[in-house]
Amino acid sequence: MQNKRIDTLLNILMKLHEGTPPEEVQEEFNTHFASVSAMEVAMMEQELIGREDNPITFEDVLNLCNVHAKMFEGKIDETEADSIDHPGHPVRVFKDENLALRSTLLRIDNILKAMETMDTKDEDYPGVYQGLQYQWELLGQFDVHYERKEKLFFPKMEAAGHTAPPKVMWAKDDEIRSLFQEAGKILNELSVANMAAFQEAYATFRYEFEEMIFKEEAILLNILMEALTVKDWADIAQESSAYGYAIIKPSQVWEPEELAEPLKVAPQATTPPSQPEVAPASASPQSTNVAIETDKGTIRVSWEPKPELPPSNTLQFEQGHLSVEEVGLLLDHLPLEVTFVSAEDTFQYYNHMEDPEHMLFKRTNSQLGRNIEFCHPPQSWPKVSQLIEDLRNGRRDSESMWFERKDGRFVYVTYRAVRDKDGVYKGILETVQDIQPFRNLPTPMKTDLSEIE
């Protein structure tokens, strides 16, 4: 791809940034480009955010997101990939979800049209209103669709070098979430008096929501299909169930024929542990001889201490030793979710306390190696960044947060700086735990064994 073409695209968006009417920019775009690939869109946004001499900021790109997406409508080349039509392939699932979400929008449209001629006192009104609420709850499953995109698609894009598009799109996702919540609050108290307010809030949400569907299918998926390998798609297909699906669930998990072996996480290569040094047979351990005075005289006791040789593949700690297998089992059996972020702000480890779909904070292997900034929505990053810096430079040693979930679980989160014996910062330990069972303890003390059922 020629840099000149990328620069031309950048210049067009610069004009938008400087106030040129969209119609004029559209004409210029049509003049210079017969078609534009999704990869060029990604490179353009990367340039826009990354150039130090460029006055366009991340916020500008966010504001222009709908405008430049509209420019690309109908002008984006489709990437040929036959496998994406297979049941269970992440692209097929993603598009099927969008189709189901669009259908829900149409049902909401029809209900609202019917309600325009109704009064709250009409006999059919309660049933129609209940139907509207049901469809609204169904539509709310788009949040699952977005989360799977943010937690599985975005890490793969970042690994391929596309860090700007996920950042822009995640911010738009959060805007859409907020618009949905605002409209939902009006819906919960819907009456003839505030029907117009709901219609207006819904229309705003609907426009942004459909614009996002276009961006996903015409831009995002094309970037992914150009950048991801078959193994990448297989990883996403395997991990998708941890986050769930919106409205529809795939009938099967896609397993590509190109991968002959079963889909398993490949273990990282490790250097075989060195064998402990064993003293030669002729050099026996030093004997210990102790004289013990008793009323029957002196008794001498001597023995040779048993050499303490930890087995091979063992990690030696100041407080003992554990095998690599024991360390993994111990971490996975802790009654809380553990995440470690390295000193370089990389998501390095999480334990497998339970399957991802049941975790309080869902983690999958696709997130490993991801910069921690990209693991959070852009709107929350300033707070997260401040916490990381406070833990790094010692202004804080730890921080705790808590909140109650709709499913009744009470989540308690702790972030703790990890330092070595010299005080050097090594990273952050995050622990997550449901403390609702502790809040429900029936008595102030329990010291007996529980009955076995």
Protein backbone atom coordinates (compact mmCIF):
# COMPACT_ATOMS: atom_id res chain seq x y z
CA MET A 1 0.00 0.00 0.00
CA GLN A 2 1.47 3.31 -1.01
CA ASN A 3 2.08 5.94 1.64
CA LYS A 4 0.84 8.61 -0.77
CA ARG A 5 -2.64 7.08 -0.73
CA ILE A 6 -2.64 6.98 3.05
CA ASP A 7 -1.53 10.62 3.19
CA THR A 8 -4.38 11.58 0.86
CA LEU A 9 -6.87 9.94 3.19
CA LEU A 10 -5.30 11.74 6.13
CA ASN A 11 -5.52 15.07 4.33
CA ILE A 12 -9.23 14.53 3.68
CA LEU A 13 -9.89 13.94 7.37
CA MET A 14 -7.71 16.93 8.26
CA LYS A 15 -10.08 19.07 6.21
CA LEU A 16 -13.00 17.68 8.17
CA HIS A 17 -11.14 18.49 11.37
CA GLU A 18 -10.66 22.08 10.18
CA GLY A 19 -14.35 22.55 9.41
CA THR A 20 -14.74 21.70 5.72
CA PRO A 21 -18.37 20.71 5.03
CA PRO A 22 -18.80 16.93 4.82
CA GLU A 23 -20.39 17.24 1.36
CA GLU A 24 -17.22 18.78 -0.07
CA VAL A 25 -15.05 16.14 1.53
CA GLN A 26 -17.33 13.43 0.16
CA GLU A 27 -16.86 14.76 -3.38
CA GLU A 28 -13.08 14.84 -2.99
CA PHE A 29 -13.09 11.31 -1.62
CA ASN A 30 -15.13 10.06 -4.57
CA THR A 31 -12.73 11.77 -6.95
CA HIS A 32 -9.58 10.17 -5.55
CA PHE A 33 -10.75 6.69 -4.57
CA ALA A 34 -12.72 4.09 -6.43
CA SER A 35 -12.53 1.84 -3.38
CA VAL A 36 -10.74 1.76 -0.07
CA SER A 37 -9.67 -1.24 1.95
CA ALA A 38 -10.33 -1.71 5.64
CA MET A 39 -6.60 -1.98 6.22
CA GLU A 40 -6.18 1.57 4.93
CA VAL A 41 -8.82 2.77 7.38
CA ALA A 42 -6.83 1.15 10.20
CA MET A 43 -3.55 2.65 9.04
CA MET A 44 -5.17 6.05 8.70
CA GLU A 45 -6.50 6.07 12.26
CA GLN A 46 -3.13 4.80 13.49
CA GLU A 47 -1.46 7.75 11.76
CA LEU A 48 -4.02 10.25 13.01
CA ILE A 49 -3.48 9.35 16.64
CA GLY A 50 0.24 8.60 16.47
CA ARG A 51 1.72 11.60 14.62
CA GLU A 52 3.29 14.07 17.01
CA ASP A 53 3.11 16.90 14.45
CA ASN A 54 -0.56 16.21 13.80
CA PRO A 55 -3.11 18.47 15.55
CA ILE A 56 -5.76 15.76 15.36
CA THR A 57 -6.24 14.07 18.73
CA PHE A 58 -7.93 10.85 19.78
CA GLU A 59 -11.02 12.87 20.72
CA ASP A 60 -11.09 14.40 17.22
CA VAL A 61 -10.98 10.98 15.60
CA LEU A 62 -13.77 9.88 17.90
CA ASN A 63 -15.92 12.85 16.88
CA LEU A 64 -15.16 12.23 13.20
CA CYS A 65 -15.75 8.51 13.47
CA ASN A 66 -19.29 8.56 12.10
CA VAL A 67 -18.40 11.05 9.38
CA HIS A 68 -15.51 9.12 7.90
CA ALA A 69 -17.37 5.83 8.30
CA LYS A 70 -20.17 7.35 6.22
CA MET A 71 -17.62 8.26 3.56
CA PHE A 72 -16.50 4.64 3.31
CA GLU A 73 -20.02 3.27 3.05
CA GLY A 74 -20.37 1.40 -0.19
CA LYS A 75 -16.69 1.86 -1.00
CA ILE A 76 -15.01 -0.84 1.03
CA ASP A 77 -13.73 -3.95 -0.68
CA GLU A 78 -14.99 -7.21 0.76
CA THR A 79 -12.22 -9.66 1.71
CA GLU A 80 -12.69 -13.12 0.26
CA ALA A 81 -12.77 -15.76 2.99
CA ASP A 82 -14.94 -18.81 2.37
CA SER A 83 -14.46 -20.21 5.85
CA ILE A 84 -16.26 -17.30 7.48
CA ASP A 85 -19.58 -18.73 6.29
CA HIS A 86 -19.09 -21.92 8.27
CA PRO A 87 -21.40 -22.27 11.32
CA GLY A 88 -19.62 -21.22 14.49
CA HIS A 89 -16.92 -19.15 12.76
CA PRO A 90 -16.55 -15.92 14.80
CA VAL A 91 -17.30 -13.74 11.74
CA ARG A 92 -20.45 -15.71 10.93
CA VAL A 93 -21.54 -15.54 14.58
CA PHE A 94 -20.84 -11.81 14.75
CA LYS A 95 -22.87 -11.06 11.63
CA ASP A 96 -25.73 -13.34 12.72
CA GLU A 97 -25.88 -11.45 16.00
CA ASN A 98 -26.07 -8.14 14.17
CA LEU A 99 -28.89 -9.50 12.05
CA ALA A 100 -30.78 -10.56 15.19
CA LEU A 101 -30.15 -7.18 16.81
CA ARG A 102 -31.41 -5.39 13.70
CA SER A 103 -34.55 -7.52 13.76
CA THR A 104 -35.12 -6.51 17.37
CA LEU A 105 -34.83 -2.85 16.38
CA LEU A 106 -37.52 -3.38 13.74
CA ARG A 107 -39.83 -5.02 16.28
CA ILE A 108 -39.34 -2.07 18.63
CA ASP A 109 -40.10 0.30 15.75
CA ASN A 110 -43.38 -1.52 15.05
CA ILE A 111 -44.42 -1.48 18.71
CA LEU A 112 -43.69 2.24 19.04
CA LYS A 113 -45.69 2.94 15.90
CA ALA A 114 -48.65 1.05 17.36
CA MET A 115 -48.35 2.90 20.68
CA GLU A 116 -48.56 6.31 18.98
CA THR A 117 -52.32 5.86 18.61
CA MET A 118 -52.86 4.31 22.04
CA ASP A 119 -53.66 5.71 25.45
CA THR A 120 -52.46 4.28 28.75
CA LYS A 121 -56.09 3.50 29.58
CA ASP A 122 -56.53 1.32 26.49
CA GLU A 123 -57.17 -2.32 27.26
CA ASP A 124 -54.26 -3.49 25.12
CA TYR A 125 -51.75 -0.94 26.43
CA PRO A 126 -50.30 -3.03 29.31
CA GLY A 127 -49.63 -5.96 26.98
CA VAL A 128 -48.06 -3.78 24.30
CA TYR A 129 -45.91 -1.97 26.86
CA GLN A 130 -44.79 -5.30 28.31
CA GLY A 131 -43.83 -6.41 24.80
CA LEU A 132 -41.79 -3.25 24.34
CA GLN A 133 -39.95 -3.88 27.59
CA TYR A 134 -39.21 -7.47 26.56
CA GLN A 135 -37.77 -6.39 23.21
CA TRP A 136 -35.72 -3.70 24.95
CA GLU A 137 -34.21 -6.27 27.31
CA LEU A 138 -33.49 -8.49 24.32
CA LEU A 139 -31.78 -5.61 22.54
CA GLY A 140 -29.69 -5.00 25.67
CA GLN A 141 -27.79 -8.20 24.89
CA PHE A 142 -25.75 -6.12 22.45
CA ASP A 143 -23.51 -5.47 25.45
CA VAL A 144 -22.41 -9.12 25.31
CA HIS A 145 -21.68 -8.69 21.60
CA TYR A 146 -19.57 -5.60 22.36
CA GLU A 147 -17.70 -7.21 25.26
CA ARG A 148 -16.72 -10.22 23.17
CA LYS A 149 -15.49 -7.85 20.48
CA GLU A 150 -13.48 -5.81 22.99
CA LYS A 151 -11.97 -8.76 24.85
CA LEU A 152 -11.30 -11.17 21.97
CA PHE A 153 -11.13 -9.23 18.70
CA PHE A 154 -9.26 -6.17 19.96
CA PRO A 155 -6.28 -8.05 21.49
CA LYS A 156 -5.71 -9.81 18.17
CA MET A 157 -5.81 -6.48 16.33
CA GLU A 158 -3.35 -4.95 18.76
CA ALA A 159 -1.01 -7.91 18.40
CA ALA A 160 -1.05 -7.28 14.64
CA GLY A 161 -0.11 -3.63 15.22
CA HIS A 162 -3.55 -2.01 14.95
CA THR A 163 -3.87 -0.20 18.27
CA ALA A 164 -5.81 2.89 17.19
CA PRO A 165 -9.01 1.37 15.71
CA PRO A 166 -9.85 -0.63 18.88
CA LYS A 167 -9.36 2.46 21.02
CA VAL A 168 -11.67 4.54 18.85
CA MET A 169 -14.31 1.82 18.56
CA TRP A 170 -14.30 0.98 22.29
CA ALA A 171 -14.99 4.63 23.08
CA LYS A 172 -17.92 4.59 20.64
CA ASP A 173 -19.16 1.36 22.24
CA ASP A 174 -19.27 3.10 25.61
CA GLU A 175 -21.15 6.07 24.12
CA ILE A 176 -23.75 3.67 22.72
CA ARG A 177 -24.03 1.89 26.06
CA SER A 178 -24.71 5.24 27.75
CA LEU A 179 -27.36 6.17 25.16
CA PHE A 180 -29.07 2.82 25.71
CA GLN A 181 -29.10 3.32 29.47
CA GLU A 182 -30.51 6.85 29.15
CA ALA A 183 -33.32 5.67 26.90
CA GLY A 184 -33.96 2.71 29.19
CA LYS A 185 -34.50 4.99 32.19
CA ILE A 186 -37.23 6.83 30.28
CA LEU A 187 -38.76 3.53 29.14
CA ASN A 188 -39.08 2.30 32.73
CA GLU A 189 -41.35 5.24 33.51
CA LEU A 190 -43.01 5.43 30.12
CA SER A 191 -46.32 7.27 29.81
CA VAL A 192 -48.10 9.22 27.11
CA ALA A 193 -46.56 12.39 28.55
CA ASN A 194 -42.96 11.27 28.06
CA MET A 195 -43.42 9.12 24.94
CA ALA A 196 -41.87 11.88 22.85
CA ALA A 197 -38.82 11.96 25.14
CA PHE A 198 -38.35 8.23 24.75
CA GLN A 199 -38.82 8.41 20.98
CA GLU A 200 -36.10 11.05 20.80
CA ALA A 201 -33.69 9.14 23.05
CA TYR A 202 -34.37 5.92 21.15
CA ALA A 203 -33.79 7.60 17.77
CA THR A 204 -30.40 8.92 18.94
CA PHE A 205 -29.40 5.50 20.23
CA ARG A 206 -30.69 3.73 17.14
CA TYR A 207 -28.68 5.89 14.75
CA GLU A 208 -25.40 5.37 16.62
CA PHE A 209 -26.16 1.68 17.07
CA GLU A 210 -26.71 1.08 13.36
CA GLU A 211 -23.63 3.13 12.51
CA MET A 212 -21.63 0.79 14.75
CA ILE A 213 -23.03 -2.25 12.95
CA PHE A 214 -21.75 -0.76 9.71
CA LYS A 215 -18.31 -0.07 11.21
CA GLU A 216 -18.13 -3.62 12.57
CA GLU A 217 -19.06 -5.37 9.35
CA ALA A 218 -17.46 -3.08 6.77
CA ILE A 219 -14.33 -1.99 8.62
CA LEU A 220 -13.59 -4.06 11.74
CA LEU A 221 -14.21 -7.52 10.29
CA ASN A 222 -12.29 -6.68 7.12
CA ILE A 223 -9.27 -5.58 9.17
CA LEU A 224 -9.47 -8.80 11.14
CA MET A 225 -9.82 -11.00 8.07
CA GLU A 226 -6.75 -9.38 6.55
CA ALA A 227 -4.65 -9.52 9.71
CA LEU A 228 -5.64 -12.71 11.59
CA THR A 229 -4.47 -16.27 11.00
CA VAL A 230 -6.61 -19.40 11.06
CA LYS A 231 -5.18 -20.15 14.50
CA ASP A 232 -6.25 -16.69 15.71
CA TRP A 233 -9.83 -17.32 14.59
CA ALA A 234 -9.76 -20.76 16.18
CA ASP A 235 -8.65 -19.23 19.49
CA ILE A 236 -11.50 -16.72 19.34
CA ALA A 237 -14.02 -19.44 18.52
CA GLN A 238 -12.85 -21.52 21.49
CA GLU A 239 -12.94 -18.61 23.95
CA SER A 240 -16.17 -16.92 22.84
CA SER A 241 -18.44 -18.98 25.09
CA ALA A 242 -16.77 -17.40 28.13
CA TYR A 243 -18.40 -14.08 27.23
CA GLY A 244 -21.63 -15.43 25.80
CA TYR A 245 -23.66 -14.45 22.74
CA ALA A 246 -26.29 -11.85 21.87
CA ILE A 247 -29.80 -13.24 21.26
CA ILE A 248 -28.61 -16.25 19.24
CA LYS A 249 -26.13 -18.96 20.11
CA PRO A 250 -24.04 -20.78 17.49
CA SER A 251 -25.05 -24.36 16.87
CA GLN A 252 -21.45 -25.54 16.95
CA VAL A 253 -17.90 -24.44 17.71
CA TRP A 254 -15.91 -23.83 14.55
CA GLU A 255 -12.77 -25.97 14.27
CA PRO A 256 -10.82 -25.33 11.06
CA GLU A 257 -9.66 -28.25 8.97
CA GLU A 258 -6.28 -26.55 8.59
CA LEU A 259 -5.47 -27.38 12.20
CA ALA A 260 -4.83 -31.09 12.34
CA GLU A 261 -4.32 -31.22 16.10
CA PRO A 262 -7.11 -30.54 18.61
CA LEU A 263 -7.32 -26.92 19.65
CA LYS A 264 -5.28 -26.59 22.78
CA VAL A 265 -3.28 -23.79 24.30
CA ALA A 266 0.33 -24.46 23.37
CA PRO A 267 2.55 -24.54 26.45
CA GLN A 268 5.27 -21.94 26.51
CA ALA A 269 8.75 -23.28 25.96
CA THR A 270 10.71 -23.42 29.15
CA THR A 271 14.30 -24.18 29.93
CA PRO A 272 14.57 -27.58 31.61
CA PRO A 273 15.36 -27.06 35.29
CA SER A 274 18.92 -27.74 36.18
CA GLN A 275 19.51 -30.87 38.26
CA PRO A 276 20.52 -30.18 41.85
CA GLU A 277 24.15 -30.75 42.63
CA VAL A 278 24.62 -34.05 44.49
CA ALA A 279 27.76 -34.57 46.58
CA PRO A 280 29.99 -37.48 45.50
CA ALA A 281 29.53 -40.71 47.44
CA SER A 282 32.95 -40.39 49.01
CA ALA A 283 32.13 -37.02 50.47
CA SER A 284 29.50 -37.88 53.06
CA PRO A 285 27.70 -35.06 54.89
CA GLN A 286 29.44 -33.85 58.04
CA SER A 287 28.49 -35.92 61.09
CA THR A 288 26.91 -34.37 64.17
CA ASN A 289 27.98 -35.70 67.60
CA VAL A 290 26.17 -34.62 70.75
CA ALA A 291 26.96 -35.59 74.39
CA ILE A 292 23.92 -35.85 76.64
CA GLU A 293 24.48 -36.00 80.41
CA THR A 294 22.05 -38.24 82.34
CA ASP A 295 21.93 -39.72 85.84
CA LYS A 296 23.26 -42.92 84.36
CA GLY A 297 26.24 -41.24 82.77
CA THR A 298 27.07 -39.62 79.46
CA ILE A 299 25.31 -40.78 76.34
CA ARG A 300 26.76 -39.83 73.01
CA VAL A 301 24.44 -39.53 70.05
CA SER A 302 25.76 -39.04 66.54
CA TRP A 303 24.02 -38.86 63.18
CA GLU A 304 24.55 -37.73 59.67
CA PRO A 305 21.95 -35.17 58.55
CA LYS A 306 19.89 -36.23 55.53
CA PRO A 307 20.79 -34.00 52.61
CA GLU A 308 17.83 -31.77 51.69
CA LEU A 309 17.76 -32.06 47.93
CA PRO A 310 14.60 -30.68 46.34
CA PRO A 311 13.40 -32.80 43.43
CA SER A 312 14.01 -31.71 39.87
CA ASN A 313 11.53 -29.25 38.31
CA THR A 314 11.15 -27.60 41.71
CA LEU A 315 11.05 -23.91 42.49
CA GLN A 316 12.95 -22.99 45.63
CA PHE A 317 11.47 -20.26 47.86
CA GLU A 318 12.64 -18.82 51.16
CA GLN A 319 9.71 -20.53 52.85
CA GLY A 320 10.06 -23.93 51.15
CA HIS A 321 9.77 -25.33 47.67
CA LEU A 322 7.03 -26.28 45.24
CA SER A 323 7.01 -28.02 41.91
CA VAL A 324 5.79 -26.10 38.85
CA GLU A 325 2.69 -28.30 38.84
CA GLU A 326 2.02 -27.57 42.52
CA VAL A 327 2.37 -23.82 41.95
CA GLY A 328 -0.22 -23.98 39.17
CA LEU A 329 -2.61 -26.10 41.22
CA LEU A 330 -2.20 -23.89 44.28
CA LEU A 331 -2.98 -20.71 42.33
CA ASP A 332 -5.96 -22.30 40.59
CA HIS A 333 -7.38 -23.48 43.93
CA LEU A 334 -7.23 -20.10 45.63
CA PRO A 335 -10.79 -18.97 46.50
CA LEU A 336 -10.39 -15.78 44.44
CA GLU A 337 -9.50 -14.62 40.96
CA VAL A 338 -5.86 -13.57 40.59
CA THR A 339 -4.38 -11.43 37.81
CA PHE A 340 -0.79 -10.21 37.50
CA VAL A 341 0.27 -7.18 35.46
CA SER A 342 4.01 -6.90 34.87
CA ALA A 343 6.19 -3.87 35.56
CA GLU A 344 5.98 -3.17 31.82
CA ASP A 345 2.16 -2.88 32.12
CA THR A 346 1.55 -6.18 30.32
CA PHE A 347 -1.29 -8.54 31.25
CA GLN A 348 0.94 -11.49 32.11
CA TYR A 349 -1.05 -14.05 34.11
CA TYR A 350 -4.45 -15.05 35.48
CA ASN A 351 -5.41 -18.11 37.49
CA HIS A 352 -8.04 -20.64 36.47
CA MET A 353 -10.16 -20.67 39.61
CA GLU A 354 -13.18 -21.62 37.51
CA ASP A 355 -14.28 -21.58 33.90
CA PRO A 356 -14.22 -18.08 32.33
CA GLU A 357 -18.00 -17.91 31.83
CA HIS A 358 -18.46 -18.07 35.62
CA MET A 359 -15.70 -15.61 36.53
CA LEU A 360 -16.49 -12.23 38.04
CA PHE A 361 -13.91 -10.62 35.75
CA LYS A 362 -13.76 -12.78 32.64
CA ARG A 363 -10.24 -13.65 31.48
CA THR A 364 -9.15 -15.67 28.46
CA ASN A 365 -5.79 -16.46 26.91
CA SER A 366 -6.37 -13.97 24.07
CA GLN A 367 -5.81 -11.18 26.58
CA LEU A 368 -2.38 -12.43 27.67
CA GLY A 369 0.45 -10.19 26.52
CA ARG A 370 -1.91 -7.26 26.01
CA ASN A 371 -0.91 -3.80 27.21
CA ILE A 372 -3.07 -3.02 30.22
CA GLU A 373 -4.27 0.24 28.67
CA PHE A 374 -6.05 -1.70 25.95
CA CYS A 375 -7.77 -3.94 28.52
CA HIS A 376 -9.91 -1.01 29.74
CA PRO A 377 -12.50 1.24 28.10
CA PRO A 378 -10.93 4.57 27.06
CA GLN A 379 -13.21 6.52 29.38
CA SER A 380 -11.93 4.64 32.44
CA TRP A 381 -8.26 4.71 31.46
CA PRO A 382 -7.39 8.04 33.19
CA LYS A 383 -8.44 6.58 36.57
CA VAL A 384 -6.72 3.25 35.90
CA SER A 385 -3.56 5.00 34.70
CA GLN A 386 -3.46 7.13 37.84
CA LEU A 387 -3.79 4.04 40.04
CA ILE A 388 -0.99 2.26 38.19
CA GLU A 389 1.34 5.24 38.56
CA ASP A 390 0.48 5.60 42.27
CA LEU A 391 1.29 1.92 42.84
CA ARG A 392 4.43 2.13 40.73
CA ASN A 393 5.94 5.16 42.48
CA GLY A 394 4.88 4.21 46.00
CA ARG A 395 2.17 6.80 46.62
CA ARG A 396 -0.07 3.80 47.24
CA ASP A 397 0.72 0.24 48.24
CA SER A 398 -2.79 -1.00 47.54
CA GLU A 399 -6.30 0.08 46.62
CA SER A 400 -9.65 -1.64 47.06
CA MET A 401 -13.00 -1.21 45.34
CA TRP A 402 -16.33 -2.99 45.66
CA PHE A 403 -19.74 -3.09 44.02
CA GLU A 404 -22.88 -5.20 44.01
CA ARG A 405 -23.87 -7.07 40.86
CA LYS A 406 -27.36 -7.66 39.56
CA ASP A 407 -26.94 -11.41 40.10
CA GLY A 408 -26.58 -10.84 43.86
CA ARG A 409 -22.82 -11.29 44.07
CA PHE A 410 -20.89 -8.61 45.95
CA VAL A 411 -17.54 -8.05 44.25
CA TYR A 412 -14.49 -6.97 46.24
CA VAL A 413 -11.41 -6.03 44.21
CA THR A 414 -7.92 -5.32 45.52
CA TYR A 415 -4.96 -3.93 43.58
CA ARG A 416 -1.61 -4.37 45.31
CA ALA A 417 1.86 -3.25 44.22
CA VAL A 418 4.34 -6.13 43.98
CA ARG A 419 7.89 -5.20 45.02
CA ASP A 420 11.02 -7.25 45.57
CA LYS A 421 13.04 -7.26 48.81
CA ASP A 422 14.86 -4.13 47.64
CA GLY A 423 11.60 -2.28 47.03
CA VAL A 424 11.85 -2.45 43.23
CA TYR A 425 8.44 -2.37 41.57
CA LYS A 426 7.66 -5.63 39.75
CA GLY A 427 4.02 -5.22 38.84
CA ILE A 428 0.47 -5.31 40.20
CA LEU A 429 -1.46 -8.15 41.80
CA GLU A 430 -5.23 -7.92 41.31
CA THR A 431 -7.51 -10.14 43.36
CA VAL A 432 -11.26 -10.42 42.82
CA GLN A 433 -13.65 -12.15 45.19
CA ASP A 434 -17.37 -12.55 45.82
CA ILE A 435 -17.75 -11.55 49.48
CA GLN A 436 -21.54 -11.90 49.60
CA PRO A 437 -21.22 -15.29 51.39
CA PHE A 438 -19.24 -13.56 54.13
CA ARG A 439 -21.93 -10.91 54.48
CA ASN A 440 -24.51 -13.69 54.87
CA LEU A 441 -22.74 -15.61 57.64
CA PRO A 442 -25.50 -16.73 60.03
CA THR A 443 -23.53 -16.70 63.27
CA PRO A 444 -20.55 -14.80 64.71
CA MET A 445 -18.61 -18.06 65.14
CA LYS A 446 -18.31 -21.51 63.58
CA THR A 447 -15.72 -23.99 64.82
CA ASP A 448 -17.37 -27.35 64.09
CA LEU A 449 -17.13 -29.35 60.90
CA SER A 450 -19.99 -28.95 58.47
CA GLU A 451 -22.31 -31.87 57.91
CA ILE A 452 -21.49 -33.94 54.82
CA GLU A 453 -24.54 -34.31 52.64
